Amino acid sequence: MTRQIADETLLVPIRSNLVDMQRIFALNTVAEYIWQQLDGKRNLKEIHNGILTHFKVEKDQASSDIMEFISQLMEAGIVEEVE
């Protein structure tokens, strides 16, 4: 579940109707963009290209940011890899 509070977007994991208060993510603009793109239709390369288009960031930094954020989401059980 995401919530916009003031100027900040929060990602709040919910498991079995319980909020996991230990794993709340405060998303910066790039993380928010990545989260919005995770629809099961776009692959990471497409998301990476979108980041390069929408933000002033180096290619390697964009790759690192994506992988770090995705890893955190996977570790928290929020997303899973699809074929």
N, C-alpha and C. Protein backbone atom coordinates (compact mmCIF):
# COMPACT_ATOMS: atom_id res chain seq x y z
N MET A 1 0.85 -1.15 0.00
CA MET A 1 0.00 0.00 0.00
C MET A 1 0.90 1.23 0.00
N THR A 2 0.57 2.20 -0.80
CA THR A 2 1.32 3.46 -0.79
C THR A 2 0.43 4.56 -0.26
N ARG A 3 1.06 5.49 0.41
CA ARG A 3 0.36 6.65 0.95
C ARG A 3 1.21 7.89 0.70
N GLN A 4 0.55 8.96 0.30
CA GLN A 4 1.20 10.25 0.11
C GLN A 4 0.94 11.06 1.37
N ILE A 5 1.99 11.40 2.08
CA ILE A 5 1.86 12.19 3.30
C ILE A 5 2.76 13.41 3.14
N ALA A 6 2.14 14.57 3.14
CA ALA A 6 2.83 15.82 2.83
C ALA A 6 3.48 15.67 1.46
N ASP A 7 4.77 15.85 1.37
CA ASP A 7 5.46 15.71 0.08
C ASP A 7 6.20 14.39 -0.02
N GLU A 8 5.84 13.42 0.80
CA GLU A 8 6.57 12.16 0.84
C GLU A 8 5.64 10.99 0.50
N THR A 9 6.17 10.06 -0.28
CA THR A 9 5.43 8.84 -0.60
C THR A 9 5.97 7.72 0.27
N LEU A 10 5.06 7.05 0.97
CA LEU A 10 5.43 5.94 1.85
C LEU A 10 4.87 4.65 1.27
N LEU A 11 5.68 3.62 1.28
CA LEU A 11 5.28 2.29 0.86
C LEU A 11 5.19 1.46 2.14
N VAL A 12 3.99 0.98 2.42
CA VAL A 12 3.73 0.26 3.67
C VAL A 12 3.37 -1.18 3.35
N PRO A 13 4.24 -2.12 3.66
CA PRO A 13 3.94 -3.53 3.40
C PRO A 13 2.81 -4.05 4.29
N ILE A 14 1.93 -4.81 3.68
CA ILE A 14 0.84 -5.44 4.42
C ILE A 14 0.91 -6.94 4.18
N ARG A 15 0.89 -7.69 5.27
CA ARG A 15 0.90 -9.16 5.19
C ARG A 15 -0.24 -9.68 6.03
N SER A 16 -1.07 -10.49 5.42
CA SER A 16 -2.20 -11.11 6.14
C SER A 16 -3.02 -10.07 6.90
N ASN A 17 -3.31 -8.97 6.23
CA ASN A 17 -4.10 -7.87 6.79
C ASN A 17 -3.41 -7.15 7.95
N LEU A 18 -2.12 -7.36 8.12
CA LEU A 18 -1.36 -6.66 9.16
C LEU A 18 -0.31 -5.77 8.51
N VAL A 19 -0.18 -4.58 9.02
CA VAL A 19 0.83 -3.65 8.52
C VAL A 19 2.17 -4.00 9.16
N ASP A 20 3.21 -4.11 8.32
CA ASP A 20 4.57 -4.38 8.81
C ASP A 20 5.25 -3.03 9.07
N MET A 21 5.09 -2.52 10.28
CA MET A 21 5.61 -1.19 10.63
C MET A 21 7.14 -1.14 10.65
N GLN A 22 7.80 -2.30 10.68
CA GLN A 22 9.26 -2.33 10.68
C GLN A 22 9.84 -2.14 9.29
N ARG A 23 9.03 -2.24 8.23
CA ARG A 23 9.53 -2.20 6.86
C ARG A 23 8.89 -1.10 6.03
N ILE A 24 8.57 0.03 6.62
CA ILE A 24 8.00 1.14 5.86
C ILE A 24 9.13 1.78 5.05
N PHE A 25 8.85 2.03 3.77
CA PHE A 25 9.81 2.65 2.87
C PHE A 25 9.38 4.08 2.58
N ALA A 26 10.26 5.05 2.81
CA ALA A 26 10.03 6.42 2.38
C ALA A 26 10.70 6.54 1.01
N LEU A 27 9.90 6.78 -0.02
CA LEU A 27 10.41 6.75 -1.39
C LEU A 27 10.85 8.14 -1.86
N ASN A 28 12.07 8.21 -2.39
CA ASN A 28 12.48 9.43 -3.05
C ASN A 28 11.85 9.43 -4.45
N THR A 29 12.09 10.45 -5.24
CA THR A 29 11.41 10.55 -6.53
C THR A 29 11.78 9.42 -7.48
N VAL A 30 13.03 8.98 -7.45
CA VAL A 30 13.44 7.88 -8.33
C VAL A 30 12.80 6.57 -7.87
N ALA A 31 12.82 6.30 -6.58
CA ALA A 31 12.20 5.08 -6.05
C ALA A 31 10.69 5.09 -6.32
N GLU A 32 10.07 6.25 -6.19
CA GLU A 32 8.64 6.34 -6.49
C GLU A 32 8.38 6.03 -7.96
N TYR A 33 9.23 6.54 -8.84
CA TYR A 33 9.10 6.25 -10.27
C TYR A 33 9.23 4.74 -10.52
N ILE A 34 10.25 4.13 -9.91
CA ILE A 34 10.46 2.68 -10.08
C ILE A 34 9.23 1.92 -9.61
N TRP A 35 8.72 2.27 -8.43
CA TRP A 35 7.56 1.59 -7.87
C TRP A 35 6.37 1.69 -8.81
N GLN A 36 6.15 2.86 -9.38
CA GLN A 36 5.02 3.05 -10.29
C GLN A 36 5.17 2.23 -11.57
N GLN A 37 6.40 1.94 -11.96
CA GLN A 37 6.65 1.19 -13.19
C GLN A 37 6.56 -0.32 -12.99
N LEU A 38 6.58 -0.78 -11.76
CA LEU A 38 6.55 -2.22 -11.47
C LEU A 38 5.13 -2.76 -11.62
N ASP A 39 4.75 -3.01 -12.85
CA ASP A 39 3.40 -3.46 -13.13
C ASP A 39 3.35 -4.87 -13.71
N GLY A 40 4.50 -5.54 -13.77
CA GLY A 40 4.54 -6.89 -14.33
C GLY A 40 4.63 -6.91 -15.84
N LYS A 41 4.55 -5.74 -16.46
CA LYS A 41 4.62 -5.64 -17.91
C LYS A 41 5.96 -5.07 -18.38
N ARG A 42 6.50 -4.16 -17.61
CA ARG A 42 7.78 -3.55 -17.96
C ARG A 42 8.92 -4.36 -17.34
N ASN A 43 10.00 -4.50 -18.09
CA ASN A 43 11.16 -5.17 -17.51
C ASN A 43 12.11 -4.11 -16.94
N LEU A 44 13.14 -4.56 -16.25
CA LEU A 44 14.05 -3.62 -15.59
C LEU A 44 14.80 -2.74 -16.58
N LYS A 45 15.06 -3.26 -17.78
CA LYS A 45 15.74 -2.44 -18.80
C LYS A 45 14.86 -1.27 -19.21
N GLU A 46 13.58 -1.51 -19.36
CA GLU A 46 12.65 -0.43 -19.71
C GLU A 46 12.55 0.60 -18.59
N ILE A 47 12.52 0.13 -17.36
CA ILE A 47 12.48 1.03 -16.22
C ILE A 47 13.77 1.83 -16.15
N HIS A 48 14.90 1.18 -16.38
CA HIS A 48 16.20 1.84 -16.39
C HIS A 48 16.21 2.95 -17.44
N ASN A 49 15.75 2.65 -18.64
CA ASN A 49 15.72 3.65 -19.71
C ASN A 49 14.81 4.82 -19.34
N GLY A 50 13.70 4.53 -18.68
CA GLY A 50 12.80 5.58 -18.23
C GLY A 50 13.45 6.50 -17.21
N ILE A 51 14.22 5.92 -16.32
CA ILE A 51 14.94 6.73 -15.33
C ILE A 51 15.92 7.66 -16.03
N LEU A 52 16.65 7.13 -17.00
CA LEU A 52 17.61 7.95 -17.73
C LEU A 52 16.91 9.09 -18.48
N THR A 53 15.70 8.85 -18.93
CA THR A 53 14.93 9.86 -19.65
C THR A 53 14.37 10.93 -18.72
N HIS A 54 13.88 10.52 -17.56
CA HIS A 54 13.17 11.44 -16.66
C HIS A 54 14.03 12.11 -15.59
N PHE A 55 15.21 11.57 -15.33
CA PHE A 55 16.04 12.10 -14.24
C PHE A 55 17.46 12.36 -14.73
N LYS A 56 18.11 13.30 -14.09
CA LYS A 56 19.51 13.58 -14.40
C LYS A 56 20.37 12.67 -13.54
N VAL A 57 20.68 11.50 -14.11
CA VAL A 57 21.44 10.50 -13.38
C VAL A 57 22.31 9.73 -14.37
N GLU A 58 23.49 9.34 -13.94
CA GLU A 58 24.38 8.55 -14.78
C GLU A 58 23.83 7.13 -14.94
N LYS A 59 24.16 6.51 -16.04
CA LYS A 59 23.68 5.16 -16.37
C LYS A 59 24.00 4.15 -15.27
N ASP A 60 25.25 4.15 -14.80
CA ASP A 60 25.66 3.21 -13.75
C ASP A 60 24.93 3.46 -12.44
N GLN A 61 24.72 4.74 -12.12
CA GLN A 61 24.01 5.07 -10.88
C GLN A 61 22.56 4.62 -10.97
N ALA A 62 21.93 4.79 -12.13
CA ALA A 62 20.55 4.33 -12.32
C ALA A 62 20.46 2.82 -12.13
N SER A 63 21.41 2.08 -12.71
CA SER A 63 21.43 0.62 -12.56
C SER A 63 21.57 0.22 -11.10
N SER A 64 22.47 0.88 -10.41
CA SER A 64 22.71 0.59 -8.99
C SER A 64 21.46 0.89 -8.16
N ASP A 65 20.82 2.03 -8.42
CA ASP A 65 19.63 2.42 -7.67
C ASP A 65 18.50 1.42 -7.88
N ILE A 66 18.29 1.00 -9.12
CA ILE A 66 17.23 0.04 -9.42
C ILE A 66 17.48 -1.26 -8.68
N MET A 67 18.67 -1.79 -8.81
CA MET A 67 18.96 -3.09 -8.21
C MET A 67 18.88 -3.05 -6.69
N GLU A 68 19.35 -1.96 -6.09
CA GLU A 68 19.28 -1.85 -4.63
C GLU A 68 17.83 -1.78 -4.16
N PHE A 69 17.02 -0.97 -4.83
CA PHE A 69 15.61 -0.83 -4.43
C PHE A 69 14.84 -2.12 -4.66
N ILE A 70 15.03 -2.75 -5.81
CA ILE A 70 14.34 -4.01 -6.11
C ILE A 70 14.75 -5.08 -5.09
N SER A 71 16.03 -5.14 -4.77
CA SER A 71 16.51 -6.12 -3.78
C SER A 71 15.82 -5.91 -2.43
N GLN A 72 15.69 -4.66 -2.01
CA GLN A 72 15.02 -4.37 -0.74
C GLN A 72 13.55 -4.79 -0.78
N LEU A 73 12.90 -4.52 -1.91
CA LEU A 73 11.49 -4.90 -2.06
C LEU A 73 11.32 -6.42 -2.06
N MET A 74 12.23 -7.11 -2.73
CA MET A 74 12.16 -8.58 -2.77
C MET A 74 12.42 -9.16 -1.39
N GLU A 75 13.41 -8.62 -0.71
CA GLU A 75 13.74 -9.09 0.64
C GLU A 75 12.56 -8.92 1.59
N ALA A 76 11.81 -7.84 1.41
CA ALA A 76 10.65 -7.58 2.26
C ALA A 76 9.42 -8.35 1.80
N GLY A 77 9.53 -9.06 0.67
CA GLY A 77 8.41 -9.84 0.17
C GLY A 77 7.33 -9.01 -0.50
N ILE A 78 7.68 -7.81 -0.93
CA ILE A 78 6.72 -6.89 -1.54
C ILE A 78 6.55 -7.15 -3.02
N VAL A 79 7.64 -7.53 -3.68
CA VAL A 79 7.60 -7.86 -5.10
C VAL A 79 8.25 -9.21 -5.30
N GLU A 80 7.96 -9.81 -6.45
CA GLU A 80 8.62 -11.05 -6.83
C GLU A 80 8.92 -11.00 -8.31
N GLU A 81 9.90 -11.77 -8.70
CA GLU A 81 10.31 -11.79 -10.09
C GLU A 81 9.26 -12.53 -10.94
N VAL A 82 8.96 -11.96 -12.10
CA VAL A 82 8.05 -12.61 -13.04
C VAL A 82 8.78 -12.85 -14.35
N GLU A 83 8.32 -13.85 -15.07
CA GLU A 83 8.94 -14.18 -16.34
C GLU A 83 8.33 -13.37 -17.45
